[in-house]
Amino acid sequence: PEEETAERWAKKLCLRGVVDSFHLD
């Protein structure tokens, strides 16, 4: 959590097949 946000993990958990994500905007 110190490096990854809850929003990033919510996206990662909800989109099937997604390993990781980085949202630019």
PDBML (XML) file of the C-alpha atoms, coordinates in Angstrom:
<?xml version="1.0" encoding="UTF-8" ?>
<PDBx:datablock datablockName="MODEL"
   xmlns:PDBx="http://pdbml.pdb.org/schema/pdbx-v50.xsd"
   xmlns:xsi="http://www.w3.org/2001/XMLSchema-instance"
   xsi:schemaLocation="http://pdbml.pdb.org/schema/pdbx-v50.xsd pdbx-v50.xsd">
   <PDBx:atom_siteCategory>
      <PDBx:atom_site id="1">
         <PDBx:B_iso_or_equiv>0.00</PDBx:B_iso_or_equiv>
         <PDBx:Cartn_x>0.000</PDBx:Cartn_x>
         <PDBx:Cartn_y>0.000</PDBx:Cartn_y>
         <PDBx:Cartn_z>0.000</PDBx:Cartn_z>
         <PDBx:auth_asym_id>A</PDBx:auth_asym_id>
         <PDBx:auth_atom_id>CA</PDBx:auth_atom_id>
         <PDBx:auth_comp_id>PRO</PDBx:auth_comp_id>
         <PDBx:auth_seq_id>1</PDBx:auth_seq_id>
         <PDBx:group_PDB>ATOM</PDBx:group_PDB>
         <PDBx:label_alt_id xsi:nil="true" />
         <PDBx:label_asym_id>A</PDBx:label_asym_id>
         <PDBx:label_atom_id>CA</PDBx:label_atom_id>
         <PDBx:label_comp_id>PRO</PDBx:label_comp_id>
         <PDBx:label_entity_id>1</PDBx:label_entity_id>
         <PDBx:label_seq_id>1</PDBx:label_seq_id>
         <PDBx:occupancy>1.00</PDBx:occupancy>
         <PDBx:pdbx_PDB_model_num>1</PDBx:pdbx_PDB_model_num>
         <PDBx:type_symbol>C</PDBx:type_symbol>
      </PDBx:atom_site>
      <PDBx:atom_site id="2">
         <PDBx:B_iso_or_equiv>0.00</PDBx:B_iso_or_equiv>
         <PDBx:Cartn_x>2.882</PDBx:Cartn_x>
         <PDBx:Cartn_y>2.405</PDBx:Cartn_y>
         <PDBx:Cartn_z>0.556</PDBx:Cartn_z>
         <PDBx:auth_asym_id>A</PDBx:auth_asym_id>
         <PDBx:auth_atom_id>CA</PDBx:auth_atom_id>
         <PDBx:auth_comp_id>GLU</PDBx:auth_comp_id>
         <PDBx:auth_seq_id>2</PDBx:auth_seq_id>
         <PDBx:group_PDB>ATOM</PDBx:group_PDB>
         <PDBx:label_alt_id xsi:nil="true" />
         <PDBx:label_asym_id>A</PDBx:label_asym_id>
         <PDBx:label_atom_id>CA</PDBx:label_atom_id>
         <PDBx:label_comp_id>GLU</PDBx:label_comp_id>
         <PDBx:label_entity_id>1</PDBx:label_entity_id>
         <PDBx:label_seq_id>2</PDBx:label_seq_id>
         <PDBx:occupancy>1.00</PDBx:occupancy>
         <PDBx:pdbx_PDB_model_num>1</PDBx:pdbx_PDB_model_num>
         <PDBx:type_symbol>C</PDBx:type_symbol>
      </PDBx:atom_site>
      <PDBx:atom_site id="3">
         <PDBx:B_iso_or_equiv>0.00</PDBx:B_iso_or_equiv>
         <PDBx:Cartn_x>3.640</PDBx:Cartn_x>
         <PDBx:Cartn_y>2.084</PDBx:Cartn_y>
         <PDBx:Cartn_z>-3.174</PDBx:Cartn_z>
         <PDBx:auth_asym_id>A</PDBx:auth_asym_id>
         <PDBx:auth_atom_id>CA</PDBx:auth_atom_id>
         <PDBx:auth_comp_id>GLU</PDBx:auth_comp_id>
         <PDBx:auth_seq_id>3</PDBx:auth_seq_id>
         <PDBx:group_PDB>ATOM</PDBx:group_PDB>
         <PDBx:label_alt_id xsi:nil="true" />
         <PDBx:label_asym_id>A</PDBx:label_asym_id>
         <PDBx:label_atom_id>CA</PDBx:label_atom_id>
         <PDBx:label_comp_id>GLU</PDBx:label_comp_id>
         <PDBx:label_entity_id>1</PDBx:label_entity_id>
         <PDBx:label_seq_id>3</PDBx:label_seq_id>
         <PDBx:occupancy>1.00</PDBx:occupancy>
         <PDBx:pdbx_PDB_model_num>1</PDBx:pdbx_PDB_model_num>
         <PDBx:type_symbol>C</PDBx:type_symbol>
      </PDBx:atom_site>
      <PDBx:atom_site id="4">
         <PDBx:B_iso_or_equiv>0.00</PDBx:B_iso_or_equiv>
         <PDBx:Cartn_x>0.268</PDBx:Cartn_x>
         <PDBx:Cartn_y>1.154</PDBx:Cartn_y>
         <PDBx:Cartn_z>-4.669</PDBx:Cartn_z>
         <PDBx:auth_asym_id>A</PDBx:auth_asym_id>
         <PDBx:auth_atom_id>CA</PDBx:auth_atom_id>
         <PDBx:auth_comp_id>GLU</PDBx:auth_comp_id>
         <PDBx:auth_seq_id>4</PDBx:auth_seq_id>
         <PDBx:group_PDB>ATOM</PDBx:group_PDB>
         <PDBx:label_alt_id xsi:nil="true" />
         <PDBx:label_asym_id>A</PDBx:label_asym_id>
         <PDBx:label_atom_id>CA</PDBx:label_atom_id>
         <PDBx:label_comp_id>GLU</PDBx:label_comp_id>
         <PDBx:label_entity_id>1</PDBx:label_entity_id>
         <PDBx:label_seq_id>4</PDBx:label_seq_id>
         <PDBx:occupancy>1.00</PDBx:occupancy>
         <PDBx:pdbx_PDB_model_num>1</PDBx:pdbx_PDB_model_num>
         <PDBx:type_symbol>C</PDBx:type_symbol>
      </PDBx:atom_site>
      <PDBx:atom_site id="5">
         <PDBx:B_iso_or_equiv>0.00</PDBx:B_iso_or_equiv>
         <PDBx:Cartn_x>-3.033</PDBx:Cartn_x>
         <PDBx:Cartn_y>3.000</PDBx:Cartn_y>
         <PDBx:Cartn_z>-4.247</PDBx:Cartn_z>
         <PDBx:auth_asym_id>A</PDBx:auth_asym_id>
         <PDBx:auth_atom_id>CA</PDBx:auth_atom_id>
         <PDBx:auth_comp_id>THR</PDBx:auth_comp_id>
         <PDBx:auth_seq_id>5</PDBx:auth_seq_id>
         <PDBx:group_PDB>ATOM</PDBx:group_PDB>
         <PDBx:label_alt_id xsi:nil="true" />
         <PDBx:label_asym_id>A</PDBx:label_asym_id>
         <PDBx:label_atom_id>CA</PDBx:label_atom_id>
         <PDBx:label_comp_id>THR</PDBx:label_comp_id>
         <PDBx:label_entity_id>1</PDBx:label_entity_id>
         <PDBx:label_seq_id>5</PDBx:label_seq_id>
         <PDBx:occupancy>1.00</PDBx:occupancy>
         <PDBx:pdbx_PDB_model_num>1</PDBx:pdbx_PDB_model_num>
         <PDBx:type_symbol>C</PDBx:type_symbol>
      </PDBx:atom_site>
      <PDBx:atom_site id="6">
         <PDBx:B_iso_or_equiv>0.00</PDBx:B_iso_or_equiv>
         <PDBx:Cartn_x>-6.379</PDBx:Cartn_x>
         <PDBx:Cartn_y>1.439</PDBx:Cartn_y>
         <PDBx:Cartn_z>-3.379</PDBx:Cartn_z>
         <PDBx:auth_asym_id>A</PDBx:auth_asym_id>
         <PDBx:auth_atom_id>CA</PDBx:auth_atom_id>
         <PDBx:auth_comp_id>ALA</PDBx:auth_comp_id>
         <PDBx:auth_seq_id>6</PDBx:auth_seq_id>
         <PDBx:group_PDB>ATOM</PDBx:group_PDB>
         <PDBx:label_alt_id xsi:nil="true" />
         <PDBx:label_asym_id>A</PDBx:label_asym_id>
         <PDBx:label_atom_id>CA</PDBx:label_atom_id>
         <PDBx:label_comp_id>ALA</PDBx:label_comp_id>
         <PDBx:label_entity_id>1</PDBx:label_entity_id>
         <PDBx:label_seq_id>6</PDBx:label_seq_id>
         <PDBx:occupancy>1.00</PDBx:occupancy>
         <PDBx:pdbx_PDB_model_num>1</PDBx:pdbx_PDB_model_num>
         <PDBx:type_symbol>C</PDBx:type_symbol>
      </PDBx:atom_site>
      <PDBx:atom_site id="7">
         <PDBx:B_iso_or_equiv>0.00</PDBx:B_iso_or_equiv>
         <PDBx:Cartn_x>-7.775</PDBx:Cartn_x>
         <PDBx:Cartn_y>2.787</PDBx:Cartn_y>
         <PDBx:Cartn_z>-6.663</PDBx:Cartn_z>
         <PDBx:auth_asym_id>A</PDBx:auth_asym_id>
         <PDBx:auth_atom_id>CA</PDBx:auth_atom_id>
         <PDBx:auth_comp_id>GLU</PDBx:auth_comp_id>
         <PDBx:auth_seq_id>7</PDBx:auth_seq_id>
         <PDBx:group_PDB>ATOM</PDBx:group_PDB>
         <PDBx:label_alt_id xsi:nil="true" />
         <PDBx:label_asym_id>A</PDBx:label_asym_id>
         <PDBx:label_atom_id>CA</PDBx:label_atom_id>
         <PDBx:label_comp_id>GLU</PDBx:label_comp_id>
         <PDBx:label_entity_id>1</PDBx:label_entity_id>
         <PDBx:label_seq_id>7</PDBx:label_seq_id>
         <PDBx:occupancy>1.00</PDBx:occupancy>
         <PDBx:pdbx_PDB_model_num>1</PDBx:pdbx_PDB_model_num>
         <PDBx:type_symbol>C</PDBx:type_symbol>
      </PDBx:atom_site>
      <PDBx:atom_site id="8">
         <PDBx:B_iso_or_equiv>0.00</PDBx:B_iso_or_equiv>
         <PDBx:Cartn_x>-5.065</PDBx:Cartn_x>
         <PDBx:Cartn_y>0.963</PDBx:Cartn_y>
         <PDBx:Cartn_z>-8.619</PDBx:Cartn_z>
         <PDBx:auth_asym_id>A</PDBx:auth_asym_id>
         <PDBx:auth_atom_id>CA</PDBx:auth_atom_id>
         <PDBx:auth_comp_id>ARG</PDBx:auth_comp_id>
         <PDBx:auth_seq_id>8</PDBx:auth_seq_id>
         <PDBx:group_PDB>ATOM</PDBx:group_PDB>
         <PDBx:label_alt_id xsi:nil="true" />
         <PDBx:label_asym_id>A</PDBx:label_asym_id>
         <PDBx:label_atom_id>CA</PDBx:label_atom_id>
         <PDBx:label_comp_id>ARG</PDBx:label_comp_id>
         <PDBx:label_entity_id>1</PDBx:label_entity_id>
         <PDBx:label_seq_id>8</PDBx:label_seq_id>
         <PDBx:occupancy>1.00</PDBx:occupancy>
         <PDBx:pdbx_PDB_model_num>1</PDBx:pdbx_PDB_model_num>
         <PDBx:type_symbol>C</PDBx:type_symbol>
      </PDBx:atom_site>
      <PDBx:atom_site id="9">
         <PDBx:B_iso_or_equiv>0.00</PDBx:B_iso_or_equiv>
         <PDBx:Cartn_x>-5.843</PDBx:Cartn_x>
         <PDBx:Cartn_y>-2.294</PDBx:Cartn_y>
         <PDBx:Cartn_z>-6.826</PDBx:Cartn_z>
         <PDBx:auth_asym_id>A</PDBx:auth_asym_id>
         <PDBx:auth_atom_id>CA</PDBx:auth_atom_id>
         <PDBx:auth_comp_id>TRP</PDBx:auth_comp_id>
         <PDBx:auth_seq_id>9</PDBx:auth_seq_id>
         <PDBx:group_PDB>ATOM</PDBx:group_PDB>
         <PDBx:label_alt_id xsi:nil="true" />
         <PDBx:label_asym_id>A</PDBx:label_asym_id>
         <PDBx:label_atom_id>CA</PDBx:label_atom_id>
         <PDBx:label_comp_id>TRP</PDBx:label_comp_id>
         <PDBx:label_entity_id>1</PDBx:label_entity_id>
         <PDBx:label_seq_id>9</PDBx:label_seq_id>
         <PDBx:occupancy>1.00</PDBx:occupancy>
         <PDBx:pdbx_PDB_model_num>1</PDBx:pdbx_PDB_model_num>
         <PDBx:type_symbol>C</PDBx:type_symbol>
      </PDBx:atom_site>
      <PDBx:atom_site id="10">
         <PDBx:B_iso_or_equiv>0.00</PDBx:B_iso_or_equiv>
         <PDBx:Cartn_x>-9.589</PDBx:Cartn_x>
         <PDBx:Cartn_y>-1.842</PDBx:Cartn_y>
         <PDBx:Cartn_z>-7.333</PDBx:Cartn_z>
         <PDBx:auth_asym_id>A</PDBx:auth_asym_id>
         <PDBx:auth_atom_id>CA</PDBx:auth_atom_id>
         <PDBx:auth_comp_id>ALA</PDBx:auth_comp_id>
         <PDBx:auth_seq_id>10</PDBx:auth_seq_id>
         <PDBx:group_PDB>ATOM</PDBx:group_PDB>
         <PDBx:label_alt_id xsi:nil="true" />
         <PDBx:label_asym_id>A</PDBx:label_asym_id>
         <PDBx:label_atom_id>CA</PDBx:label_atom_id>
         <PDBx:label_comp_id>ALA</PDBx:label_comp_id>
         <PDBx:label_entity_id>1</PDBx:label_entity_id>
         <PDBx:label_seq_id>10</PDBx:label_seq_id>
         <PDBx:occupancy>1.00</PDBx:occupancy>
         <PDBx:pdbx_PDB_model_num>1</PDBx:pdbx_PDB_model_num>
         <PDBx:type_symbol>C</PDBx:type_symbol>
      </PDBx:atom_site>
      <PDBx:atom_site id="11">
         <PDBx:B_iso_or_equiv>0.00</PDBx:B_iso_or_equiv>
         <PDBx:Cartn_x>-8.988</PDBx:Cartn_x>
         <PDBx:Cartn_y>-1.586</PDBx:Cartn_y>
         <PDBx:Cartn_z>-11.092</PDBx:Cartn_z>
         <PDBx:auth_asym_id>A</PDBx:auth_asym_id>
         <PDBx:auth_atom_id>CA</PDBx:auth_atom_id>
         <PDBx:auth_comp_id>LYS</PDBx:auth_comp_id>
         <PDBx:auth_seq_id>11</PDBx:auth_seq_id>
         <PDBx:group_PDB>ATOM</PDBx:group_PDB>
         <PDBx:label_alt_id xsi:nil="true" />
         <PDBx:label_asym_id>A</PDBx:label_asym_id>
         <PDBx:label_atom_id>CA</PDBx:label_atom_id>
         <PDBx:label_comp_id>LYS</PDBx:label_comp_id>
         <PDBx:label_entity_id>1</PDBx:label_entity_id>
         <PDBx:label_seq_id>11</PDBx:label_seq_id>
         <PDBx:occupancy>1.00</PDBx:occupancy>
         <PDBx:pdbx_PDB_model_num>1</PDBx:pdbx_PDB_model_num>
         <PDBx:type_symbol>C</PDBx:type_symbol>
      </PDBx:atom_site>
      <PDBx:atom_site id="12">
         <PDBx:B_iso_or_equiv>0.00</PDBx:B_iso_or_equiv>
         <PDBx:Cartn_x>-6.623</PDBx:Cartn_x>
         <PDBx:Cartn_y>-4.545</PDBx:Cartn_y>
         <PDBx:Cartn_z>-11.027</PDBx:Cartn_z>
         <PDBx:auth_asym_id>A</PDBx:auth_asym_id>
         <PDBx:auth_atom_id>CA</PDBx:auth_atom_id>
         <PDBx:auth_comp_id>LYS</PDBx:auth_comp_id>
         <PDBx:auth_seq_id>12</PDBx:auth_seq_id>
         <PDBx:group_PDB>ATOM</PDBx:group_PDB>
         <PDBx:label_alt_id xsi:nil="true" />
         <PDBx:label_asym_id>A</PDBx:label_asym_id>
         <PDBx:label_atom_id>CA</PDBx:label_atom_id>
         <PDBx:label_comp_id>LYS</PDBx:label_comp_id>
         <PDBx:label_entity_id>1</PDBx:label_entity_id>
         <PDBx:label_seq_id>12</PDBx:label_seq_id>
         <PDBx:occupancy>1.00</PDBx:occupancy>
         <PDBx:pdbx_PDB_model_num>1</PDBx:pdbx_PDB_model_num>
         <PDBx:type_symbol>C</PDBx:type_symbol>
      </PDBx:atom_site>
      <PDBx:atom_site id="13">
         <PDBx:B_iso_or_equiv>0.00</PDBx:B_iso_or_equiv>
         <PDBx:Cartn_x>-9.124</PDBx:Cartn_x>
         <PDBx:Cartn_y>-6.733</PDBx:Cartn_y>
         <PDBx:Cartn_z>-9.178</PDBx:Cartn_z>
         <PDBx:auth_asym_id>A</PDBx:auth_asym_id>
         <PDBx:auth_atom_id>CA</PDBx:auth_atom_id>
         <PDBx:auth_comp_id>LEU</PDBx:auth_comp_id>
         <PDBx:auth_seq_id>13</PDBx:auth_seq_id>
         <PDBx:group_PDB>ATOM</PDBx:group_PDB>
         <PDBx:label_alt_id xsi:nil="true" />
         <PDBx:label_asym_id>A</PDBx:label_asym_id>
         <PDBx:label_atom_id>CA</PDBx:label_atom_id>
         <PDBx:label_comp_id>LEU</PDBx:label_comp_id>
         <PDBx:label_entity_id>1</PDBx:label_entity_id>
         <PDBx:label_seq_id>13</PDBx:label_seq_id>
         <PDBx:occupancy>1.00</PDBx:occupancy>
         <PDBx:pdbx_PDB_model_num>1</PDBx:pdbx_PDB_model_num>
         <PDBx:type_symbol>C</PDBx:type_symbol>
      </PDBx:atom_site>
      <PDBx:atom_site id="14">
         <PDBx:B_iso_or_equiv>0.00</PDBx:B_iso_or_equiv>
         <PDBx:Cartn_x>-12.148</PDBx:Cartn_x>
         <PDBx:Cartn_y>-5.776</PDBx:Cartn_y>
         <PDBx:Cartn_z>-11.266</PDBx:Cartn_z>
         <PDBx:auth_asym_id>A</PDBx:auth_asym_id>
         <PDBx:auth_atom_id>CA</PDBx:auth_atom_id>
         <PDBx:auth_comp_id>CYS</PDBx:auth_comp_id>
         <PDBx:auth_seq_id>14</PDBx:auth_seq_id>
         <PDBx:group_PDB>ATOM</PDBx:group_PDB>
         <PDBx:label_alt_id xsi:nil="true" />
         <PDBx:label_asym_id>A</PDBx:label_asym_id>
         <PDBx:label_atom_id>CA</PDBx:label_atom_id>
         <PDBx:label_comp_id>CYS</PDBx:label_comp_id>
         <PDBx:label_entity_id>1</PDBx:label_entity_id>
         <PDBx:label_seq_id>14</PDBx:label_seq_id>
         <PDBx:occupancy>1.00</PDBx:occupancy>
         <PDBx:pdbx_PDB_model_num>1</PDBx:pdbx_PDB_model_num>
         <PDBx:type_symbol>C</PDBx:type_symbol>
      </PDBx:atom_site>
      <PDBx:atom_site id="15">
         <PDBx:B_iso_or_equiv>0.00</PDBx:B_iso_or_equiv>
         <PDBx:Cartn_x>-10.735</PDBx:Cartn_x>
         <PDBx:Cartn_y>-6.138</PDBx:Cartn_y>
         <PDBx:Cartn_z>-14.795</PDBx:Cartn_z>
         <PDBx:auth_asym_id>A</PDBx:auth_asym_id>
         <PDBx:auth_atom_id>CA</PDBx:auth_atom_id>
         <PDBx:auth_comp_id>LEU</PDBx:auth_comp_id>
         <PDBx:auth_seq_id>15</PDBx:auth_seq_id>
         <PDBx:group_PDB>ATOM</PDBx:group_PDB>
         <PDBx:label_alt_id xsi:nil="true" />
         <PDBx:label_asym_id>A</PDBx:label_asym_id>
         <PDBx:label_atom_id>CA</PDBx:label_atom_id>
         <PDBx:label_comp_id>LEU</PDBx:label_comp_id>
         <PDBx:label_entity_id>1</PDBx:label_entity_id>
         <PDBx:label_seq_id>15</PDBx:label_seq_id>
         <PDBx:occupancy>1.00</PDBx:occupancy>
         <PDBx:pdbx_PDB_model_num>1</PDBx:pdbx_PDB_model_num>
         <PDBx:type_symbol>C</PDBx:type_symbol>
      </PDBx:atom_site>
      <PDBx:atom_site id="16">
         <PDBx:B_iso_or_equiv>0.00</PDBx:B_iso_or_equiv>
         <PDBx:Cartn_x>-10.298</PDBx:Cartn_x>
         <PDBx:Cartn_y>-9.807</PDBx:Cartn_y>
         <PDBx:Cartn_z>-15.650</PDBx:Cartn_z>
         <PDBx:auth_asym_id>A</PDBx:auth_asym_id>
         <PDBx:auth_atom_id>CA</PDBx:auth_atom_id>
         <PDBx:auth_comp_id>ARG</PDBx:auth_comp_id>
         <PDBx:auth_seq_id>16</PDBx:auth_seq_id>
         <PDBx:group_PDB>ATOM</PDBx:group_PDB>
         <PDBx:label_alt_id xsi:nil="true" />
         <PDBx:label_asym_id>A</PDBx:label_asym_id>
         <PDBx:label_atom_id>CA</PDBx:label_atom_id>
         <PDBx:label_comp_id>ARG</PDBx:label_comp_id>
         <PDBx:label_entity_id>1</PDBx:label_entity_id>
         <PDBx:label_seq_id>16</PDBx:label_seq_id>
         <PDBx:occupancy>1.00</PDBx:occupancy>
         <PDBx:pdbx_PDB_model_num>1</PDBx:pdbx_PDB_model_num>
         <PDBx:type_symbol>C</PDBx:type_symbol>
      </PDBx:atom_site>
      <PDBx:atom_site id="17">
         <PDBx:B_iso_or_equiv>0.00</PDBx:B_iso_or_equiv>
         <PDBx:Cartn_x>-6.839</PDBx:Cartn_x>
         <PDBx:Cartn_y>-10.713</PDBx:Cartn_y>
         <PDBx:Cartn_z>-16.933</PDBx:Cartn_z>
         <PDBx:auth_asym_id>A</PDBx:auth_asym_id>
         <PDBx:auth_atom_id>CA</PDBx:auth_atom_id>
         <PDBx:auth_comp_id>GLY</PDBx:auth_comp_id>
         <PDBx:auth_seq_id>17</PDBx:auth_seq_id>
         <PDBx:group_PDB>ATOM</PDBx:group_PDB>
         <PDBx:label_alt_id xsi:nil="true" />
         <PDBx:label_asym_id>A</PDBx:label_asym_id>
         <PDBx:label_atom_id>CA</PDBx:label_atom_id>
         <PDBx:label_comp_id>GLY</PDBx:label_comp_id>
         <PDBx:label_entity_id>1</PDBx:label_entity_id>
         <PDBx:label_seq_id>17</PDBx:label_seq_id>
         <PDBx:occupancy>1.00</PDBx:occupancy>
         <PDBx:pdbx_PDB_model_num>1</PDBx:pdbx_PDB_model_num>
         <PDBx:type_symbol>C</PDBx:type_symbol>
      </PDBx:atom_site>
      <PDBx:atom_site id="18">
         <PDBx:B_iso_or_equiv>0.00</PDBx:B_iso_or_equiv>
         <PDBx:Cartn_x>-5.234</PDBx:Cartn_x>
         <PDBx:Cartn_y>-7.461</PDBx:Cartn_y>
         <PDBx:Cartn_z>-15.778</PDBx:Cartn_z>
         <PDBx:auth_asym_id>A</PDBx:auth_asym_id>
         <PDBx:auth_atom_id>CA</PDBx:auth_atom_id>
         <PDBx:auth_comp_id>VAL</PDBx:auth_comp_id>
         <PDBx:auth_seq_id>18</PDBx:auth_seq_id>
         <PDBx:group_PDB>ATOM</PDBx:group_PDB>
         <PDBx:label_alt_id xsi:nil="true" />
         <PDBx:label_asym_id>A</PDBx:label_asym_id>
         <PDBx:label_atom_id>CA</PDBx:label_atom_id>
         <PDBx:label_comp_id>VAL</PDBx:label_comp_id>
         <PDBx:label_entity_id>1</PDBx:label_entity_id>
         <PDBx:label_seq_id>18</PDBx:label_seq_id>
         <PDBx:occupancy>1.00</PDBx:occupancy>
         <PDBx:pdbx_PDB_model_num>1</PDBx:pdbx_PDB_model_num>
         <PDBx:type_symbol>C</PDBx:type_symbol>
      </PDBx:atom_site>
      <PDBx:atom_site id="19">
         <PDBx:B_iso_or_equiv>0.00</PDBx:B_iso_or_equiv>
         <PDBx:Cartn_x>-1.901</PDBx:Cartn_x>
         <PDBx:Cartn_y>-8.013</PDBx:Cartn_y>
         <PDBx:Cartn_z>-14.025</PDBx:Cartn_z>
         <PDBx:auth_asym_id>A</PDBx:auth_asym_id>
         <PDBx:auth_atom_id>CA</PDBx:auth_atom_id>
         <PDBx:auth_comp_id>VAL</PDBx:auth_comp_id>
         <PDBx:auth_seq_id>19</PDBx:auth_seq_id>
         <PDBx:group_PDB>ATOM</PDBx:group_PDB>
         <PDBx:label_alt_id xsi:nil="true" />
         <PDBx:label_asym_id>A</PDBx:label_asym_id>
         <PDBx:label_atom_id>CA</PDBx:label_atom_id>
         <PDBx:label_comp_id>VAL</PDBx:label_comp_id>
         <PDBx:label_entity_id>1</PDBx:label_entity_id>
         <PDBx:label_seq_id>19</PDBx:label_seq_id>
         <PDBx:occupancy>1.00</PDBx:occupancy>
         <PDBx:pdbx_PDB_model_num>1</PDBx:pdbx_PDB_model_num>
         <PDBx:type_symbol>C</PDBx:type_symbol>
      </PDBx:atom_site>
      <PDBx:atom_site id="20">
         <PDBx:B_iso_or_equiv>0.00</PDBx:B_iso_or_equiv>
         <PDBx:Cartn_x>-1.152</PDBx:Cartn_x>
         <PDBx:Cartn_y>-4.376</PDBx:Cartn_y>
         <PDBx:Cartn_z>-13.203</PDBx:Cartn_z>
         <PDBx:auth_asym_id>A</PDBx:auth_asym_id>
         <PDBx:auth_atom_id>CA</PDBx:auth_atom_id>
         <PDBx:auth_comp_id>ASP</PDBx:auth_comp_id>
         <PDBx:auth_seq_id>20</PDBx:auth_seq_id>
         <PDBx:group_PDB>ATOM</PDBx:group_PDB>
         <PDBx:label_alt_id xsi:nil="true" />
         <PDBx:label_asym_id>A</PDBx:label_asym_id>
         <PDBx:label_atom_id>CA</PDBx:label_atom_id>
         <PDBx:label_comp_id>ASP</PDBx:label_comp_id>
         <PDBx:label_entity_id>1</PDBx:label_entity_id>
         <PDBx:label_seq_id>20</PDBx:label_seq_id>
         <PDBx:occupancy>1.00</PDBx:occupancy>
         <PDBx:pdbx_PDB_model_num>1</PDBx:pdbx_PDB_model_num>
         <PDBx:type_symbol>C</PDBx:type_symbol>
      </PDBx:atom_site>
      <PDBx:atom_site id="21">
         <PDBx:B_iso_or_equiv>0.00</PDBx:B_iso_or_equiv>
         <PDBx:Cartn_x>-2.261</PDBx:Cartn_x>
         <PDBx:Cartn_y>-0.878</PDBx:Cartn_y>
         <PDBx:Cartn_z>-14.152</PDBx:Cartn_z>
         <PDBx:auth_asym_id>A</PDBx:auth_asym_id>
         <PDBx:auth_atom_id>CA</PDBx:auth_atom_id>
         <PDBx:auth_comp_id>SER</PDBx:auth_comp_id>
         <PDBx:auth_seq_id>21</PDBx:auth_seq_id>
         <PDBx:group_PDB>ATOM</PDBx:group_PDB>
         <PDBx:label_alt_id xsi:nil="true" />
         <PDBx:label_asym_id>A</PDBx:label_asym_id>
         <PDBx:label_atom_id>CA</PDBx:label_atom_id>
         <PDBx:label_comp_id>SER</PDBx:label_comp_id>
         <PDBx:label_entity_id>1</PDBx:label_entity_id>
         <PDBx:label_seq_id>21</PDBx:label_seq_id>
         <PDBx:occupancy>1.00</PDBx:occupancy>
         <PDBx:pdbx_PDB_model_num>1</PDBx:pdbx_PDB_model_num>
         <PDBx:type_symbol>C</PDBx:type_symbol>
      </PDBx:atom_site>
      <PDBx:atom_site id="22">
         <PDBx:B_iso_or_equiv>0.00</PDBx:B_iso_or_equiv>
         <PDBx:Cartn_x>-0.994</PDBx:Cartn_x>
         <PDBx:Cartn_y>2.692</PDBx:Cartn_y>
         <PDBx:Cartn_z>-14.216</PDBx:Cartn_z>
         <PDBx:auth_asym_id>A</PDBx:auth_asym_id>
         <PDBx:auth_atom_id>CA</PDBx:auth_atom_id>
         <PDBx:auth_comp_id>PHE</PDBx:auth_comp_id>
         <PDBx:auth_seq_id>22</PDBx:auth_seq_id>
         <PDBx:group_PDB>ATOM</PDBx:group_PDB>
         <PDBx:label_alt_id xsi:nil="true" />
         <PDBx:label_asym_id>A</PDBx:label_asym_id>
         <PDBx:label_atom_id>CA</PDBx:label_atom_id>
         <PDBx:label_comp_id>PHE</PDBx:label_comp_id>
         <PDBx:label_entity_id>1</PDBx:label_entity_id>
         <PDBx:label_seq_id>22</PDBx:label_seq_id>
         <PDBx:occupancy>1.00</PDBx:occupancy>
         <PDBx:pdbx_PDB_model_num>1</PDBx:pdbx_PDB_model_num>
         <PDBx:type_symbol>C</PDBx:type_symbol>
      </PDBx:atom_site>
      <PDBx:atom_site id="23">
         <PDBx:B_iso_or_equiv>0.00</PDBx:B_iso_or_equiv>
         <PDBx:Cartn_x>-3.539</PDBx:Cartn_x>
         <PDBx:Cartn_y>5.452</PDBx:Cartn_y>
         <PDBx:Cartn_z>-14.782</PDBx:Cartn_z>
         <PDBx:auth_asym_id>A</PDBx:auth_asym_id>
         <PDBx:auth_atom_id>CA</PDBx:auth_atom_id>
         <PDBx:auth_comp_id>HIS</PDBx:auth_comp_id>
         <PDBx:auth_seq_id>23</PDBx:auth_seq_id>
         <PDBx:group_PDB>ATOM</PDBx:group_PDB>
         <PDBx:label_alt_id xsi:nil="true" />
         <PDBx:label_asym_id>A</PDBx:label_asym_id>
         <PDBx:label_atom_id>CA</PDBx:label_atom_id>
         <PDBx:label_comp_id>HIS</PDBx:label_comp_id>
         <PDBx:label_entity_id>1</PDBx:label_entity_id>
         <PDBx:label_seq_id>23</PDBx:label_seq_id>
         <PDBx:occupancy>1.00</PDBx:occupancy>
         <PDBx:pdbx_PDB_model_num>1</PDBx:pdbx_PDB_model_num>
         <PDBx:type_symbol>C</PDBx:type_symbol>
      </PDBx:atom_site>
      <PDBx:atom_site id="24">
         <PDBx:B_iso_or_equiv>0.00</PDBx:B_iso_or_equiv>
         <PDBx:Cartn_x>-2.080</PDBx:Cartn_x>
         <PDBx:Cartn_y>8.523</PDBx:Cartn_y>
         <PDBx:Cartn_z>-16.464</PDBx:Cartn_z>
         <PDBx:auth_asym_id>A</PDBx:auth_asym_id>
         <PDBx:auth_atom_id>CA</PDBx:auth_atom_id>
         <PDBx:auth_comp_id>LEU</PDBx:auth_comp_id>
         <PDBx:auth_seq_id>24</PDBx:auth_seq_id>
         <PDBx:group_PDB>ATOM</PDBx:group_PDB>
         <PDBx:label_alt_id xsi:nil="true" />
         <PDBx:label_asym_id>A</PDBx:label_asym_id>
         <PDBx:label_atom_id>CA</PDBx:label_atom_id>
         <PDBx:label_comp_id>LEU</PDBx:label_comp_id>
         <PDBx:label_entity_id>1</PDBx:label_entity_id>
         <PDBx:label_seq_id>24</PDBx:label_seq_id>
         <PDBx:occupancy>1.00</PDBx:occupancy>
         <PDBx:pdbx_PDB_model_num>1</PDBx:pdbx_PDB_model_num>
         <PDBx:type_symbol>C</PDBx:type_symbol>
      </PDBx:atom_site>
      <PDBx:atom_site id="25">
         <PDBx:B_iso_or_equiv>0.00</PDBx:B_iso_or_equiv>
         <PDBx:Cartn_x>-5.244</PDBx:Cartn_x>
         <PDBx:Cartn_y>10.599</PDBx:Cartn_y>
         <PDBx:Cartn_z>-15.968</PDBx:Cartn_z>
         <PDBx:auth_asym_id>A</PDBx:auth_asym_id>
         <PDBx:auth_atom_id>CA</PDBx:auth_atom_id>
         <PDBx:auth_comp_id>ASP</PDBx:auth_comp_id>
         <PDBx:auth_seq_id>25</PDBx:auth_seq_id>
         <PDBx:group_PDB>ATOM</PDBx:group_PDB>
         <PDBx:label_alt_id xsi:nil="true" />
         <PDBx:label_asym_id>A</PDBx:label_asym_id>
         <PDBx:label_atom_id>CA</PDBx:label_atom_id>
         <PDBx:label_comp_id>ASP</PDBx:label_comp_id>
         <PDBx:label_entity_id>1</PDBx:label_entity_id>
         <PDBx:label_seq_id>25</PDBx:label_seq_id>
         <PDBx:occupancy>1.00</PDBx:occupancy>
         <PDBx:pdbx_PDB_model_num>1</PDBx:pdbx_PDB_model_num>
         <PDBx:type_symbol>C</PDBx:type_symbol>
      </PDBx:atom_site>
   </PDBx:atom_siteCategory>
</PDBx:datablock>
